[in-house]
PDB file of all heavy atoms in Angstrom:
ATOM      1  N   SER A   1       0.822  -1.213   0.000  1.00  0.00           N
ATOM      2  CA  SER A   1       0.000   0.000   0.000  1.00  0.00           C
ATOM      3  C   SER A   1       0.852   1.257   0.000  1.00  0.00           C
ATOM      4  O   SER A   1       0.512   2.241  -0.663  1.00  0.00           O
ATOM      5  CB  SER A   1      -0.929   0.002   1.218  1.00  0.00           C
ATOM      6  OG  SER A   1      -1.829  -1.084   1.166  1.00  0.00           O
ATOM      7  N   VAL A   2       1.950   1.242   0.746  1.00  0.00           N
ATOM      8  CA  VAL A   2       2.834   2.409   0.757  1.00  0.00           C
ATOM      9  C   VAL A   2       3.402   2.657  -0.628  1.00  0.00           C
ATOM     10  O   VAL A   2       3.436   3.792  -1.126  1.00  0.00           O
ATOM     11  CB  VAL A   2       3.975   2.227   1.782  1.00  0.00           C
ATOM     12  CG1 VAL A   2       5.032   3.304   1.616  1.00  0.00           C
ATOM     13  CG2 VAL A   2       3.425   2.258   3.191  1.00  0.00           C
ATOM     14  N   ALA A   3       3.859   1.579  -1.289  1.00  0.00           N
ATOM     15  CA  ALA A   3       4.426   1.725  -2.629  1.00  0.00           C
ATOM     16  C   ALA A   3       3.369   2.219  -3.614  1.00  0.00           C
ATOM     17  O   ALA A   3       3.631   3.096  -4.443  1.00  0.00           O
ATOM     18  CB  ALA A   3       5.005   0.392  -3.094  1.00  0.00           C
ATOM     19  N   GLU A   4       2.155   1.660  -3.528  1.00  0.00           N
ATOM     20  CA  GLU A   4       1.094   2.090  -4.427  1.00  0.00           C
ATOM     21  C   GLU A   4       0.678   3.522  -4.153  1.00  0.00           C
ATOM     22  O   GLU A   4       0.366   4.287  -5.070  1.00  0.00           O
ATOM     23  CB  GLU A   4      -0.116   1.161  -4.284  1.00  0.00           C
ATOM     24  CG  GLU A   4       0.117  -0.225  -4.845  1.00  0.00           C
ATOM     25  CD  GLU A   4      -1.083  -1.133  -4.650  1.00  0.00           C
ATOM     26  OE1 GLU A   4      -2.042  -0.704  -3.973  1.00  0.00           O
ATOM     27  OE2 GLU A   4      -1.048  -2.249  -5.163  1.00  0.00           O
ATOM     28  N   ARG A   5       0.665   3.906  -2.879  1.00  0.00           N
ATOM     29  CA  ARG A   5       0.269   5.266  -2.517  1.00  0.00           C
ATOM     30  C   ARG A   5       1.241   6.283  -3.109  1.00  0.00           C
ATOM     31  O   ARG A   5       0.841   7.358  -3.554  1.00  0.00           O
ATOM     32  CB  ARG A   5       0.203   5.400  -0.995  1.00  0.00           C
ATOM     33  CG  ARG A   5      -0.296   6.762  -0.539  1.00  0.00           C
ATOM     34  CD  ARG A   5      -0.422   6.831   0.969  1.00  0.00           C
ATOM     35  NE  ARG A   5      -0.858   8.149   1.379  1.00  0.00           N
ATOM     36  CZ  ARG A   5      -2.121   8.556   1.365  1.00  0.00           C
ATOM     37  NH1 ARG A   5      -3.069   7.735   0.968  1.00  0.00           N
ATOM     38  NH2 ARG A   5      -2.429   9.785   1.747  1.00  0.00           N
ATOM     39  N   ARG A   6       2.535   5.946  -3.112  1.00  0.00           N
ATOM     40  CA  ARG A   6       3.526   6.837  -3.719  1.00  0.00           C
ATOM     41  C   ARG A   6       3.219   7.031  -5.199  1.00  0.00           C
ATOM     42  O   ARG A   6       3.303   8.133  -5.743  1.00  0.00           O
ATOM     43  CB  ARG A   6       4.928   6.258  -3.536  1.00  0.00           C
ATOM     44  CG  ARG A   6       5.436   6.362  -2.115  1.00  0.00           C
ATOM     45  CD  ARG A   6       6.474   5.302  -1.812  1.00  0.00           C
ATOM     46  NE  ARG A   6       7.669   5.441  -2.632  1.00  0.00           N
ATOM     47  CZ  ARG A   6       8.836   5.925  -2.201  1.00  0.00           C
ATOM     48  NH1 ARG A   6       8.934   6.342  -0.953  1.00  0.00           N
ATOM     49  NH2 ARG A   6       9.886   5.983  -2.979  1.00  0.00           N
ATOM     50  N   GLY A   7       2.851   5.929  -5.884  1.00  0.00           N
ATOM     51  CA  GLY A   7       2.508   6.038  -7.299  1.00  0.00           C
ATOM     52  C   GLY A   7       1.269   6.883  -7.514  1.00  0.00           C
ATOM     53  O   GLY A   7       1.220   7.709  -8.429  1.00  0.00           O
ATOM     54  N   ARG A   8       0.242   6.707  -6.671  1.00  0.00           N
ATOM     55  CA  ARG A   8      -0.975   7.491  -6.833  1.00  0.00           C
ATOM     56  C   ARG A   8      -0.733   8.964  -6.538  1.00  0.00           C
ATOM     57  O   ARG A   8      -1.344   9.843  -7.144  1.00  0.00           O
ATOM     58  CB  ARG A   8      -2.082   6.925  -5.943  1.00  0.00           C
ATOM     59  CG  ARG A   8      -2.688   5.641  -6.492  1.00  0.00           C
ATOM     60  CD  ARG A   8      -3.995   5.308  -5.789  1.00  0.00           C
ATOM     61  NE  ARG A   8      -3.759   4.892  -4.416  1.00  0.00           N
ATOM     62  CZ  ARG A   8      -3.547   3.637  -4.047  1.00  0.00           C
ATOM     63  NH1 ARG A   8      -3.502   2.678  -4.958  1.00  0.00           N
ATOM     64  NH2 ARG A   8      -3.350   3.329  -2.782  1.00  0.00           N
ATOM     65  N   ALA A   9       0.173   9.246  -5.597  1.00  0.00           N
ATOM     66  CA  ALA A   9       0.515  10.642  -5.322  1.00  0.00           C
ATOM     67  C   ALA A   9       1.218  11.262  -6.523  1.00  0.00           C
ATOM     68  O   ALA A   9       1.005  12.429  -6.857  1.00  0.00           O
ATOM     69  CB  ALA A   9       1.400  10.732  -4.079  1.00  0.00           C
ATOM     70  N   GLN A  10       2.079  10.477  -7.180  1.00  0.00           N
ATOM     71  CA  GLN A  10       2.716  10.961  -8.405  1.00  0.00           C
ATOM     72  C   GLN A  10       1.643  11.275  -9.446  1.00  0.00           C
ATOM     73  O   GLN A  10       1.707  12.297 -10.137  1.00  0.00           O
ATOM     74  CB  GLN A  10       3.659   9.885  -8.952  1.00  0.00           C
ATOM     75  CG  GLN A  10       4.797   9.513  -8.027  1.00  0.00           C
ATOM     76  CD  GLN A  10       6.091  10.201  -8.439  1.00  0.00           C
ATOM     77  OE1 GLN A  10       6.093  11.087  -9.268  1.00  0.00           O
ATOM     78  NE2 GLN A  10       7.186   9.784  -7.844  1.00  0.00           N
ATOM     79  N   ALA A  11       0.662  10.393  -9.590  1.00  0.00           N
ATOM     80  CA  ALA A  11      -0.385  10.596 -10.579  1.00  0.00           C
ATOM     81  C   ALA A  11      -1.222  11.827 -10.252  1.00  0.00           C
ATOM     82  O   ALA A  11      -1.605  12.583 -11.143  1.00  0.00           O
ATOM     83  CB  ALA A  11      -1.282   9.356 -10.651  1.00  0.00           C
ATOM     84  N   ALA A  12      -1.508  12.045  -8.967  1.00  0.00           N
ATOM     85  CA  ALA A  12      -2.275  13.226  -8.574  1.00  0.00           C
ATOM     86  C   ALA A  12      -1.526  14.503  -8.926  1.00  0.00           C
ATOM     87  O   ALA A  12      -2.115  15.502  -9.346  1.00  0.00           O
ATOM     88  CB  ALA A  12      -2.563  13.179  -7.071  1.00  0.00           C
ATOM     89  N   SER A  13      -0.202  14.470  -8.746  1.00  0.00           N
ATOM     90  CA  SER A  13       0.611  15.631  -9.108  1.00  0.00           C
ATOM     91  C   SER A  13       0.537  15.888 -10.602  1.00  0.00           C
ATOM     92  O   SER A  13       0.466  17.036 -11.054  1.00  0.00           O
ATOM     93  CB  SER A  13       2.063  15.396  -8.670  1.00  0.00           C
ATOM     94  OG  SER A  13       2.889  16.456  -9.094  1.00  0.00           O
ATOM     95  N   LEU A  14       0.569  14.820 -11.399  1.00  0.00           N
ATOM     96  CA  LEU A  14       0.479  14.982 -12.850  1.00  0.00           C
ATOM     97  C   LEU A  14      -0.901  15.494 -13.257  1.00  0.00           C
ATOM     98  O   LEU A  14      -1.024  16.314 -14.175  1.00  0.00           O
ATOM     99  CB  LEU A  14       0.769  13.654 -13.540  1.00  0.00           C
ATOM    100  CG  LEU A  14       2.216  13.181 -13.463  1.00  0.00           C
ATOM    101  CD1 LEU A  14       2.325  11.761 -13.989  1.00  0.00           C
ATOM    102  CD2 LEU A  14       3.123  14.106 -14.253  1.00  0.00           C
ATOM    103  N   ARG A  15      -1.946  15.027 -12.575  1.00  0.00           N
ATOM    104  CA  ARG A  15      -3.290  15.501 -12.904  1.00  0.00           C
ATOM    105  C   ARG A  15      -3.416  16.997 -12.662  1.00  0.00           C
ATOM    106  O   ARG A  15      -4.166  17.690 -13.350  1.00  0.00           O
ATOM    107  CB  ARG A  15      -4.330  14.759 -12.056  1.00  0.00           C
ATOM    108  CG  ARG A  15      -4.579  13.331 -12.492  1.00  0.00           C
ATOM    109  CD  ARG A  15      -5.810  12.756 -11.822  1.00  0.00           C
ATOM    110  NE  ARG A  15      -5.988  11.371 -12.198  1.00  0.00           N
ATOM    111  CZ  ARG A  15      -5.544  10.345 -11.488  1.00  0.00           C
ATOM    112  NH1 ARG A  15      -4.900  10.566 -10.351  1.00  0.00           N
ATOM    113  NH2 ARG A  15      -5.739   9.104 -11.888  1.00  0.00           N
ATOM    114  N   ALA A  16      -2.672  17.485 -11.667  1.00  0.00           N
ATOM    115  CA  ALA A  16      -2.734  18.914 -11.361  1.00  0.00           C
ATOM    116  C   ALA A  16      -2.199  19.759 -12.502  1.00  0.00           C
ATOM    117  O   ALA A  16      -2.534  20.936 -12.629  1.00  0.00           O
ATOM    118  CB  ALA A  16      -1.954  19.213 -10.076  1.00  0.00           C
ATOM    119  N   THR A  17      -1.337  19.162 -13.353  1.00  0.00           N
ATOM    120  CA  THR A  17      -0.784  19.919 -14.481  1.00  0.00           C
ATOM    121  C   THR A  17      -1.725  19.912 -15.679  1.00  0.00           C
ATOM    122  O   THR A  17      -1.507  20.653 -16.633  1.00  0.00           O
ATOM    123  CB  THR A  17       0.557  19.321 -14.924  1.00  0.00           C
ATOM    124  OG1 THR A  17       0.337  18.031 -15.505  1.00  0.00           O
ATOM    125  CG2 THR A  17       1.513  19.189 -13.757  1.00  0.00           C
ATOM    126  N   ARG A  18      -2.755  19.066 -15.631  1.00  0.00           N
ATOM    127  CA  ARG A  18      -3.670  18.955 -16.761  1.00  0.00           C
ATOM    128  C   ARG A  18      -4.798  19.964 -16.610  1.00  0.00           C
ATOM    129  O   ARG A  18      -5.493  19.997 -15.610  1.00  0.00           O
ATOM    130  CB  ARG A  18      -4.229  17.533 -16.833  1.00  0.00           C
ATOM    131  CG  ARG A  18      -5.131  17.302 -18.034  1.00  0.00           C
ATOM    132  CD  ARG A  18      -5.512  15.846 -18.151  1.00  0.00           C
ATOM    133  NE  ARG A  18      -6.137  15.365 -16.926  1.00  0.00           N
ATOM    134  CZ  ARG A  18      -6.475  14.094 -16.724  1.00  0.00           C
ATOM    135  NH1 ARG A  18      -6.201  13.199 -17.634  1.00  0.00           N
ATOM    136  NH2 ARG A  18      -7.050  13.732 -15.592  1.00  0.00           N
ATOM    137  N   THR A  19      -4.963  20.812 -17.577  1.00  0.00           N
ATOM    138  CA  THR A  19      -5.998  21.836 -17.521  1.00  0.00           C
ATOM    139  C   THR A  19      -6.875  21.745 -18.766  1.00  0.00           C
ATOM    140  O   THR A  19      -6.427  21.354 -19.837  1.00  0.00           O
ATOM    141  CB  THR A  19      -5.380  23.234 -17.446  1.00  0.00           C
ATOM    142  OG1 THR A  19      -4.538  23.420 -18.589  1.00  0.00           O
ATOM    143  CG2 THR A  19      -4.548  23.402 -16.177  1.00  0.00           C
ATOM    144  N   ASP A  20      -8.137  22.117 -18.590  1.00  0.00           N
ATOM    145  CA  ASP A  20      -9.043  22.189 -19.739  1.00  0.00           C
ATOM    146  C   ASP A  20      -8.827  23.535 -20.415  1.00  0.00           C
ATOM    147  O   ASP A  20      -8.966  24.591 -19.789  1.00  0.00           O
ATOM    148  CB  ASP A  20     -10.500  22.045 -19.284  1.00  0.00           C
ATOM    149  CG  ASP A  20     -10.798  20.648 -18.765  1.00  0.00           C
ATOM    150  OD1 ASP A  20     -10.154  19.708 -19.261  1.00  0.00           O
ATOM    151  OD2 ASP A  20     -11.650  20.521 -17.871  1.00  0.00           O
ATOM    152  N   THR A  21      -8.466  23.508 -21.662  1.00  0.00           N
ATOM    153  CA  THR A  21      -8.164  24.737 -22.384  1.00  0.00           C
ATOM    154  C   THR A  21      -9.109  24.895 -23.566  1.00  0.00           C
ATOM    155  O   THR A  21      -9.749  23.950 -24.021  1.00  0.00           O
ATOM    156  CB  THR A  21      -6.712  24.722 -22.898  1.00  0.00           C
ATOM    157  OG1 THR A  21      -6.553  23.600 -23.781  1.00  0.00           O
ATOM    158  CG2 THR A  21      -5.735  24.590 -21.753  1.00  0.00           C
ATOM    159  N   VAL A  22      -9.170  26.119 -24.052  1.00  0.00           N
ATOM    160  CA  VAL A  22      -9.941  26.413 -25.255  1.00  0.00           C
ATOM    161  C   VAL A  22      -8.992  26.373 -26.443  1.00  0.00           C
ATOM    162  O   VAL A  22      -7.952  27.034 -26.441  1.00  0.00           O
ATOM    163  CB  VAL A  22     -10.621  27.789 -25.151  1.00  0.00           C
ATOM    164  CG1 VAL A  22     -11.342  28.118 -26.461  1.00  0.00           C
ATOM    165  CG2 VAL A  22     -11.606  27.817 -23.989  1.00  0.00           C
ATOM    166  N   ALA A  23      -9.322  25.590 -27.437  1.00  0.00           N
ATOM    167  CA  ALA A  23      -8.457  25.420 -28.604  1.00  0.00           C
ATOM    168  C   ALA A  23      -8.971  26.261 -29.770  1.00  0.00           C
ATOM    169  O   ALA A  23     -10.187  26.382 -29.978  1.00  0.00           O
ATOM    170  CB  ALA A  23      -8.389  23.945 -28.998  1.00  0.00           C
ATOM    171  N   ARG A  24      -8.039  26.825 -30.536  1.00  0.00           N
ATOM    172  CA  ARG A  24      -8.379  27.586 -31.748  1.00  0.00           C
ATOM    173  C   ARG A  24      -8.258  26.631 -32.933  1.00  0.00           C
ATOM    174  O   ARG A  24      -7.211  26.511 -33.549  1.00  0.00           O
ATOM    175  CB  ARG A  24      -7.449  28.782 -31.904  1.00  0.00           C
ATOM    176  CG  ARG A  24      -7.570  29.799 -30.780  1.00  0.00           C
ATOM    177  CD  ARG A  24      -6.328  30.675 -30.690  1.00  0.00           C
ATOM    178  NE  ARG A  24      -6.024  31.344 -31.964  1.00  0.00           N
ATOM    179  CZ  ARG A  24      -4.856  31.919 -32.223  1.00  0.00           C
ATOM    180  NH1 ARG A  24      -3.880  31.888 -31.302  1.00  0.00           N
ATOM    181  NH2 ARG A  24      -4.644  32.513 -33.383  1.00  0.00           N
ATOM    182  N   ARG A  25      -9.349  25.945 -33.215  1.00  0.00           N
ATOM    183  CA  ARG A  25      -9.328  24.945 -34.278  1.00  0.00           C
ATOM    184  C   ARG A  25      -9.370  25.631 -35.644  1.00  0.00           C
ATOM    185  O   ARG A  25     -10.195  26.515 -35.886  1.00  0.00           O
ATOM    186  CB  ARG A  25     -10.489  23.976 -34.128  1.00  0.00           C
ATOM    187  CG  ARG A  25     -10.462  22.822 -35.132  1.00  0.00           C
ATOM    188  CD  ARG A  25     -11.433  21.740 -34.746  1.00  0.00           C
ATOM    189  NE  ARG A  25     -12.808  22.240 -34.676  1.00  0.00           N
ATOM    190  CZ  ARG A  25     -13.817  21.541 -34.147  1.00  0.00           C
ATOM    191  NH1 ARG A  25     -13.589  20.345 -33.619  1.00  0.00           N
ATOM    192  NH2 ARG A  25     -15.035  22.057 -34.115  1.00  0.00           N
ATOM    193  N   VAL A  26      -8.447  25.177 -36.518  1.00  0.00           N
ATOM    194  CA  VAL A  26      -8.358  25.753 -37.857  1.00  0.00           C
ATOM    195  C   VAL A  26      -9.237  24.943 -38.798  1.00  0.00           C
ATOM    196  O   VAL A  26      -9.059  23.726 -38.943  1.00  0.00           O
ATOM    197  CB  VAL A  26      -6.896  25.762 -38.358  1.00  0.00           C
ATOM    198  CG1 VAL A  26      -6.826  26.358 -39.758  1.00  0.00           C
ATOM    199  CG2 VAL A  26      -6.009  26.541 -37.398  1.00  0.00           C
ATOM    200  N   ASP A  27     -10.196  25.618 -39.441  1.00  0.00           N
ATOM    201  CA  ASP A  27     -11.102  24.954 -40.377  1.00  0.00           C
ATOM    202  C   ASP A  27     -10.421  24.735 -41.719  1.00  0.00           C
ATOM    203  O   ASP A  27      -9.433  25.398 -42.046  1.00  0.00           O
ATOM    204  CB  ASP A  27     -12.369  25.797 -40.568  1.00  0.00           C
ATOM    205  CG  ASP A  27     -13.160  25.940 -39.283  1.00  0.00           C
ATOM    206  OD1 ASP A  27     -13.111  24.996 -38.468  1.00  0.00           O
ATOM    207  OD2 ASP A  27     -13.792  26.996 -39.090  1.00  0.00           O
ATOM    208  N   PRO A  28     -10.931  23.822 -42.532  1.00  0.00           N
ATOM    209  CA  PRO A  28     -10.341  23.579 -43.862  1.00  0.00           C
ATOM    210  C   PRO A  28     -10.260  24.827 -44.722  1.00  0.00           C
ATOM    211  O   PRO A  28      -9.366  24.955 -45.557  1.00  0.00           O
ATOM    212  CB  PRO A  28     -11.285  22.536 -44.474  1.00  0.00           C
ATOM    213  CG  PRO A  28     -11.870  21.827 -43.293  1.00  0.00           C
ATOM    214  CD  PRO A  28     -12.023  22.868 -42.238  1.00  0.00           C
ATOM    215  N   ASP A  29     -11.205  25.786 -44.528  1.00  0.00           N
ATOM    216  CA  ASP A  29     -11.187  27.001 -45.333  1.00  0.00           C
ATOM    217  C   ASP A  29     -10.254  28.064 -44.772  1.00  0.00           C
ATOM    218  O   ASP A  29     -10.183  29.176 -45.307  1.00  0.00           O
ATOM    219  CB  ASP A  29     -12.603  27.566 -45.462  1.00  0.00           C
ATOM    220  CG  ASP A  29     -13.208  27.900 -44.096  1.00  0.00           C
ATOM    221  OD1 ASP A  29     -12.497  27.746 -43.077  1.00  0.00           O
ATOM    222  OD2 ASP A  29     -14.387  28.297 -44.044  1.00  0.00           O
ATOM    223  N   GLY A  30      -9.526  27.735 -43.701  1.00  0.00           N
ATOM    224  CA  GLY A  30      -8.585  28.682 -43.123  1.00  0.00           C
ATOM    225  C   GLY A  30      -9.132  29.476 -41.958  1.00  0.00           C
ATOM    226  O   GLY A  30      -8.376  30.177 -41.266  1.00  0.00           O
ATOM    227  N   GLY A  31     -10.430  29.389 -41.714  1.00  0.00           N
ATOM    228  CA  GLY A  31     -11.017  30.096 -40.592  1.00  0.00           C
ATOM    229  C   GLY A  31     -10.732  29.394 -39.270  1.00  0.00           C
ATOM    230  O   GLY A  31     -10.194  28.280 -39.238  1.00  0.00           O
ATOM    231  N   GLU A  32     -11.079  30.053 -38.173  1.00  0.00           N
ATOM    232  CA  GLU A  32     -10.841  29.497 -36.848  1.00  0.00           C
ATOM    233  C   GLU A  32     -12.118  29.544 -36.040  1.00  0.00           C
ATOM    234  O   GLU A  32     -12.956  30.430 -36.223  1.00  0.00           O
ATOM    235  CB  GLU A  32      -9.753  30.287 -36.106  1.00  0.00           C
ATOM    236  CG  GLU A  32      -8.377  30.213 -36.718  1.00  0.00           C
ATOM    237  CD  GLU A  32      -7.346  30.990 -35.893  1.00  0.00           C
ATOM    238  OE1 GLU A  32      -7.702  31.425 -34.781  1.00  0.00           O
ATOM    239  OE2 GLU A  32      -6.208  31.155 -36.368  1.00  0.00           O
ATOM    240  N   ASN A  33     -12.254  28.581 -35.143  1.00  0.00           N
ATOM    241  CA  ASN A  33     -13.339  28.637 -34.170  1.00  0.00           C
ATOM    242  C   ASN A  33     -12.856  28.046 -32.867  1.00  0.00           C
ATOM    243  O   ASN A  33     -12.027  27.133 -32.842  1.00  0.00           O
ATOM    244  CB  ASN A  33     -14.587  27.907 -34.691  1.00  0.00           C
ATOM    245  CG  ASN A  33     -14.324  26.440 -34.995  1.00  0.00           C
ATOM    246  OD1 ASN A  33     -14.160  25.623 -34.088  1.00  0.00           O
ATOM    247  ND2 ASN A  33     -14.270  26.091 -36.278  1.00  0.00           N
ATOM    248  N   ALA A  34     -13.356  28.584 -31.772  1.00  0.00           N
ATOM    249  CA  ALA A  34     -12.924  28.169 -30.440  1.00  0.00           C
ATOM    250  C   ALA A  34     -13.745  26.970 -29.975  1.00  0.00           C
ATOM    251  O   ALA A  34     -14.980  27.002 -30.010  1.00  0.00           O
ATOM    252  CB  ALA A  34     -13.072  29.322 -29.454  1.00  0.00           C
TER     253      ALA A  34
END
């Protein structure tokens, strides 16, 4: 459990770096939409 807990803590730290962002998608005609 101690070894697994260390791994899960690492994963929680990585999740903290993941953010939901708005992407500027480029359309085939060259336009953009969020």
